[in-house]
């Protein structure tokens, strides 16, 4: 339940997603997460650092820890499912249903 609480917070999944390929500095991460305020980004980063999913590098900015990379690996499965779901929703509706 703790993981669902953390991942359910606004912008948390987006931050993890943006860090999945490489570390980013604060400004670059904020630009990737268009529309997020600096204060919210700061708060989410602190939460993710406390949860040991994100770490702050010396000069590279913020990056995923081993646990964070593992979490993103699990999120890739959800991403693949979401793409299949979107394709299903775009297709014809279930047979036998009236309009």
N, C-alpha and C. Protein backbone atom coordinates (compact mmCIF):
# COMPACT_ATOMS: atom_id res chain seq x y z
N UNK A 1 0.83 -1.20 0.00
CA UNK A 1 0.00 0.00 0.00
C UNK A 1 0.87 1.26 0.00
N UNK A 2 2.02 1.18 0.64
CA UNK A 2 2.91 2.35 0.68
C UNK A 2 3.38 2.72 -0.72
N UNK A 3 3.68 1.71 -1.54
CA UNK A 3 4.12 1.98 -2.91
C UNK A 3 3.00 2.62 -3.72
N UNK A 4 1.78 2.11 -3.56
CA UNK A 4 0.65 2.70 -4.28
C UNK A 4 0.41 4.13 -3.85
N UNK A 5 0.59 4.40 -2.57
CA UNK A 5 0.44 5.77 -2.07
C UNK A 5 1.49 6.68 -2.70
N UNK A 6 2.73 6.23 -2.72
CA UNK A 6 3.80 7.04 -3.30
C UNK A 6 3.59 7.25 -4.80
N UNK A 7 3.33 6.16 -5.53
CA UNK A 7 3.16 6.26 -6.97
C UNK A 7 1.89 7.00 -7.36
N UNK A 8 0.92 7.06 -6.48
CA UNK A 8 -0.32 7.75 -6.77
C UNK A 8 -0.25 9.25 -6.60
N UNK A 9 0.83 9.74 -6.04
CA UNK A 9 0.97 11.19 -5.86
C UNK A 9 1.24 11.84 -7.22
N UNK A 10 0.61 12.99 -7.40
CA UNK A 10 0.73 13.69 -8.67
C UNK A 10 2.19 13.92 -9.04
N UNK A 11 2.54 13.62 -10.27
CA UNK A 11 3.84 13.81 -10.89
C UNK A 11 4.88 12.76 -10.52
N UNK A 12 4.65 11.90 -9.54
CA UNK A 12 5.66 10.94 -9.13
C UNK A 12 6.04 10.00 -10.27
N UNK A 13 5.06 9.41 -10.91
CA UNK A 13 5.36 8.49 -12.01
C UNK A 13 6.04 9.20 -13.17
N UNK A 14 5.64 10.42 -13.43
CA UNK A 14 6.26 11.19 -14.52
C UNK A 14 7.73 11.44 -14.24
N UNK A 15 8.06 11.76 -12.99
CA UNK A 15 9.46 11.99 -12.63
C UNK A 15 10.27 10.72 -12.85
N UNK A 16 9.78 9.60 -12.35
CA UNK A 16 10.48 8.33 -12.54
C UNK A 16 10.64 8.02 -14.03
N UNK A 17 9.58 8.26 -14.79
CA UNK A 17 9.61 7.99 -16.22
C UNK A 17 10.68 8.83 -16.92
N UNK A 18 10.76 10.09 -16.57
CA UNK A 18 11.73 10.99 -17.22
C UNK A 18 13.17 10.64 -16.83
N UNK A 19 13.36 10.03 -15.68
CA UNK A 19 14.70 9.67 -15.23
C UNK A 19 15.11 8.26 -15.67
N UNK A 20 14.23 7.56 -16.40
CA UNK A 20 14.48 6.16 -16.72
C UNK A 20 15.71 5.94 -17.60
N UNK A 21 16.07 6.89 -18.44
CA UNK A 21 17.19 6.70 -19.37
C UNK A 21 18.49 7.34 -18.91
N UNK A 22 18.37 8.41 -18.10
CA UNK A 22 19.58 9.15 -17.73
C UNK A 22 19.28 10.10 -16.58
N UNK A 23 20.32 10.47 -15.82
CA UNK A 23 20.12 11.49 -14.78
C UNK A 23 19.83 12.84 -15.43
N UNK A 24 19.09 13.65 -14.72
CA UNK A 24 18.77 15.00 -15.19
C UNK A 24 18.96 15.99 -14.05
N UNK A 25 19.39 17.18 -14.40
CA UNK A 25 19.46 18.25 -13.42
C UNK A 25 18.05 18.75 -13.10
N UNK A 26 17.93 19.57 -12.07
CA UNK A 26 16.62 20.05 -11.63
C UNK A 26 15.90 20.79 -12.75
N UNK A 27 16.57 21.71 -13.41
CA UNK A 27 15.92 22.50 -14.47
C UNK A 27 15.51 21.63 -15.65
N UNK A 28 16.40 20.74 -16.06
CA UNK A 28 16.09 19.86 -17.19
C UNK A 28 14.91 18.94 -16.85
N UNK A 29 14.88 18.45 -15.63
CA UNK A 29 13.77 17.58 -15.21
C UNK A 29 12.47 18.37 -15.18
N UNK A 30 12.53 19.58 -14.70
CA UNK A 30 11.32 20.42 -14.67
C UNK A 30 10.82 20.70 -16.09
N UNK A 31 11.73 20.94 -17.02
CA UNK A 31 11.33 21.17 -18.41
C UNK A 31 10.67 19.93 -19.01
N UNK A 32 11.19 18.75 -18.69
CA UNK A 32 10.60 17.50 -19.17
C UNK A 32 9.20 17.29 -18.61
N UNK A 33 8.98 17.75 -17.41
CA UNK A 33 7.68 17.60 -16.73
C UNK A 33 6.90 18.91 -16.87
N UNK A 34 6.60 19.27 -18.11
CA UNK A 34 5.96 20.55 -18.39
C UNK A 34 4.74 20.79 -17.50
N UNK A 35 4.72 21.96 -16.93
CA UNK A 35 3.58 22.33 -16.10
C UNK A 35 3.77 22.10 -14.62
N UNK A 36 4.87 21.49 -14.21
CA UNK A 36 5.08 21.23 -12.79
C UNK A 36 5.79 22.43 -12.15
N UNK A 37 5.31 22.81 -11.00
CA UNK A 37 5.95 23.92 -10.30
C UNK A 37 7.24 23.43 -9.64
N UNK A 38 8.15 24.36 -9.40
CA UNK A 38 9.42 24.03 -8.76
C UNK A 38 9.21 23.45 -7.38
N UNK A 39 8.25 24.00 -6.65
CA UNK A 39 8.02 23.53 -5.28
C UNK A 39 7.50 22.10 -5.26
N UNK A 40 6.63 21.75 -6.20
CA UNK A 40 6.11 20.37 -6.27
C UNK A 40 7.23 19.43 -6.68
N UNK A 41 8.04 19.81 -7.66
CA UNK A 41 9.16 18.97 -8.08
C UNK A 41 10.11 18.74 -6.92
N UNK A 42 10.43 19.77 -6.21
CA UNK A 42 11.32 19.65 -5.06
C UNK A 42 10.75 18.68 -4.03
N UNK A 43 9.45 18.81 -3.73
CA UNK A 43 8.80 17.94 -2.75
C UNK A 43 8.80 16.48 -3.22
N UNK A 44 8.46 16.25 -4.49
CA UNK A 44 8.43 14.88 -5.01
C UNK A 44 9.83 14.27 -5.02
N UNK A 45 10.83 15.05 -5.39
CA UNK A 45 12.20 14.54 -5.37
C UNK A 45 12.62 14.15 -3.96
N UNK A 46 12.27 14.97 -2.99
CA UNK A 46 12.60 14.63 -1.60
C UNK A 46 11.92 13.33 -1.18
N UNK A 47 10.66 13.15 -1.57
CA UNK A 47 9.93 11.92 -1.25
C UNK A 47 10.57 10.71 -1.93
N UNK A 48 10.97 10.87 -3.18
CA UNK A 48 11.58 9.77 -3.92
C UNK A 48 12.98 9.44 -3.41
N UNK A 49 13.70 10.45 -2.95
CA UNK A 49 15.00 10.21 -2.33
C UNK A 49 14.82 9.47 -1.01
N UNK A 50 13.85 9.90 -0.21
CA UNK A 50 13.57 9.23 1.06
C UNK A 50 13.14 7.78 0.84
N UNK A 51 12.41 7.53 -0.25
CA UNK A 51 11.96 6.18 -0.59
C UNK A 51 13.08 5.35 -1.24
N UNK A 52 14.24 5.96 -1.47
CA UNK A 52 15.41 5.33 -2.06
C UNK A 52 15.21 4.90 -3.51
N UNK A 53 14.37 5.64 -4.21
CA UNK A 53 14.16 5.38 -5.64
C UNK A 53 14.97 6.33 -6.51
N UNK A 54 15.29 7.50 -5.96
CA UNK A 54 16.06 8.53 -6.67
C UNK A 54 17.21 8.95 -5.77
N UNK A 55 18.32 9.29 -6.41
CA UNK A 55 19.46 9.81 -5.66
C UNK A 55 19.99 11.05 -6.37
N UNK A 56 20.65 11.87 -5.61
CA UNK A 56 21.25 13.08 -6.20
C UNK A 56 22.72 12.81 -6.42
N UNK A 57 23.14 12.96 -7.66
CA UNK A 57 24.55 12.77 -7.99
C UNK A 57 25.33 14.04 -7.73
N UNK A 58 26.63 13.94 -7.82
CA UNK A 58 27.48 15.10 -7.58
C UNK A 58 27.20 16.22 -8.56
N UNK A 59 27.34 15.93 -9.84
CA UNK A 59 27.13 16.97 -10.85
C UNK A 59 26.14 16.54 -11.91
N UNK A 60 25.67 15.31 -11.86
CA UNK A 60 24.76 14.80 -12.88
C UNK A 60 23.31 15.13 -12.59
N UNK A 61 23.01 15.68 -11.45
CA UNK A 61 21.63 15.95 -11.10
C UNK A 61 21.00 14.77 -10.40
N UNK A 62 19.79 14.43 -10.78
CA UNK A 62 19.02 13.37 -10.13
C UNK A 62 18.97 12.15 -11.04
N UNK A 63 19.14 10.99 -10.43
CA UNK A 63 19.08 9.74 -11.18
C UNK A 63 18.41 8.67 -10.35
N UNK A 64 18.09 7.58 -11.02
CA UNK A 64 17.44 6.47 -10.34
C UNK A 64 18.46 5.62 -9.60
N UNK A 65 18.06 5.11 -8.45
CA UNK A 65 18.85 4.13 -7.73
C UNK A 65 18.55 2.77 -8.35
N UNK A 66 19.19 1.73 -7.85
CA UNK A 66 18.89 0.38 -8.33
C UNK A 66 17.42 0.05 -8.11
N UNK A 67 16.87 0.43 -6.96
CA UNK A 67 15.44 0.21 -6.70
C UNK A 67 14.58 1.01 -7.66
N UNK A 68 15.00 2.22 -7.96
CA UNK A 68 14.26 3.06 -8.90
C UNK A 68 14.26 2.48 -10.30
N UNK A 69 15.41 1.95 -10.72
CA UNK A 69 15.49 1.31 -12.04
C UNK A 69 14.59 0.07 -12.09
N UNK A 70 14.57 -0.67 -10.98
CA UNK A 70 13.70 -1.85 -10.91
C UNK A 70 12.23 -1.44 -11.00
N UNK A 71 11.86 -0.37 -10.31
CA UNK A 71 10.48 0.13 -10.37
C UNK A 71 10.12 0.54 -11.79
N UNK A 72 11.05 1.22 -12.48
CA UNK A 72 10.79 1.62 -13.86
C UNK A 72 10.64 0.41 -14.77
N UNK A 73 11.39 -0.64 -14.49
CA UNK A 73 11.24 -1.87 -15.27
C UNK A 73 9.83 -2.42 -15.14
N UNK A 74 9.29 -2.36 -13.95
CA UNK A 74 7.91 -2.81 -13.74
C UNK A 74 6.92 -1.86 -14.43
N UNK A 75 7.22 -0.58 -14.44
CA UNK A 75 6.35 0.39 -15.10
C UNK A 75 6.32 0.19 -16.61
N UNK A 76 7.40 -0.34 -17.17
CA UNK A 76 7.42 -0.61 -18.62
C UNK A 76 6.35 -1.63 -18.99
N UNK A 77 6.12 -2.60 -18.11
CA UNK A 77 5.04 -3.56 -18.35
C UNK A 77 3.69 -2.88 -18.36
N UNK A 78 3.49 -1.98 -17.44
CA UNK A 78 2.24 -1.21 -17.38
C UNK A 78 2.11 -0.33 -18.63
N UNK A 79 3.21 0.24 -19.07
CA UNK A 79 3.21 1.08 -20.27
C UNK A 79 2.79 0.25 -21.50
N UNK A 80 3.34 -0.96 -21.62
CA UNK A 80 2.98 -1.83 -22.75
C UNK A 80 1.49 -2.18 -22.69
N UNK A 81 1.00 -2.49 -21.50
CA UNK A 81 -0.43 -2.78 -21.35
C UNK A 81 -1.27 -1.56 -21.73
N UNK A 82 -0.85 -0.37 -21.31
CA UNK A 82 -1.61 0.85 -21.60
C UNK A 82 -1.69 1.10 -23.11
N UNK A 83 -0.62 0.78 -23.83
CA UNK A 83 -0.66 0.94 -25.28
C UNK A 83 -1.65 -0.04 -25.92
N UNK A 84 -1.68 -1.28 -25.42
CA UNK A 84 -2.66 -2.26 -25.93
C UNK A 84 -4.08 -1.81 -25.59
N UNK A 85 -4.27 -1.28 -24.42
CA UNK A 85 -5.58 -0.80 -23.98
C UNK A 85 -6.04 0.36 -24.86
N UNK A 86 -5.13 1.31 -25.13
CA UNK A 86 -5.47 2.45 -25.99
C UNK A 86 -5.87 1.98 -27.38
N UNK A 87 -5.14 1.00 -27.91
CA UNK A 87 -5.49 0.47 -29.23
C UNK A 87 -6.86 -0.19 -29.20
N UNK A 88 -7.16 -0.89 -28.13
CA UNK A 88 -8.46 -1.54 -27.98
C UNK A 88 -9.58 -0.49 -27.93
N UNK A 89 -9.36 0.59 -27.22
CA UNK A 89 -10.36 1.64 -27.12
C UNK A 89 -10.59 2.35 -28.44
N UNK A 90 -9.56 2.42 -29.28
CA UNK A 90 -9.69 3.08 -30.57
C UNK A 90 -10.40 2.21 -31.59
N UNK A 91 -10.41 0.90 -31.35
CA UNK A 91 -11.03 -0.03 -32.30
C UNK A 91 -12.54 -0.06 -32.15
N UNK A 92 -13.19 -0.91 -32.93
CA UNK A 92 -14.64 -1.03 -32.83
C UNK A 92 -15.07 -1.53 -31.46
N UNK A 93 -16.24 -1.13 -31.05
CA UNK A 93 -16.76 -1.54 -29.75
C UNK A 93 -17.06 -3.02 -29.68
N UNK A 94 -17.42 -3.50 -28.51
CA UNK A 94 -17.74 -4.92 -28.36
C UNK A 94 -18.91 -5.31 -29.26
N UNK A 95 -18.84 -6.50 -29.83
CA UNK A 95 -19.91 -7.00 -30.71
C UNK A 95 -21.19 -7.22 -29.91
N UNK A 96 -22.29 -6.97 -30.56
CA UNK A 96 -23.57 -7.23 -29.92
C UNK A 96 -24.12 -6.08 -29.10
N UNK A 97 -23.38 -4.99 -28.98
CA UNK A 97 -23.88 -3.85 -28.21
C UNK A 97 -24.62 -2.90 -29.13
N UNK A 98 -25.75 -2.45 -28.69
CA UNK A 98 -26.51 -1.46 -29.45
C UNK A 98 -26.04 -0.07 -29.11
N UNK A 99 -26.32 0.87 -29.99
CA UNK A 99 -25.89 2.25 -29.76
C UNK A 99 -26.85 3.01 -28.91
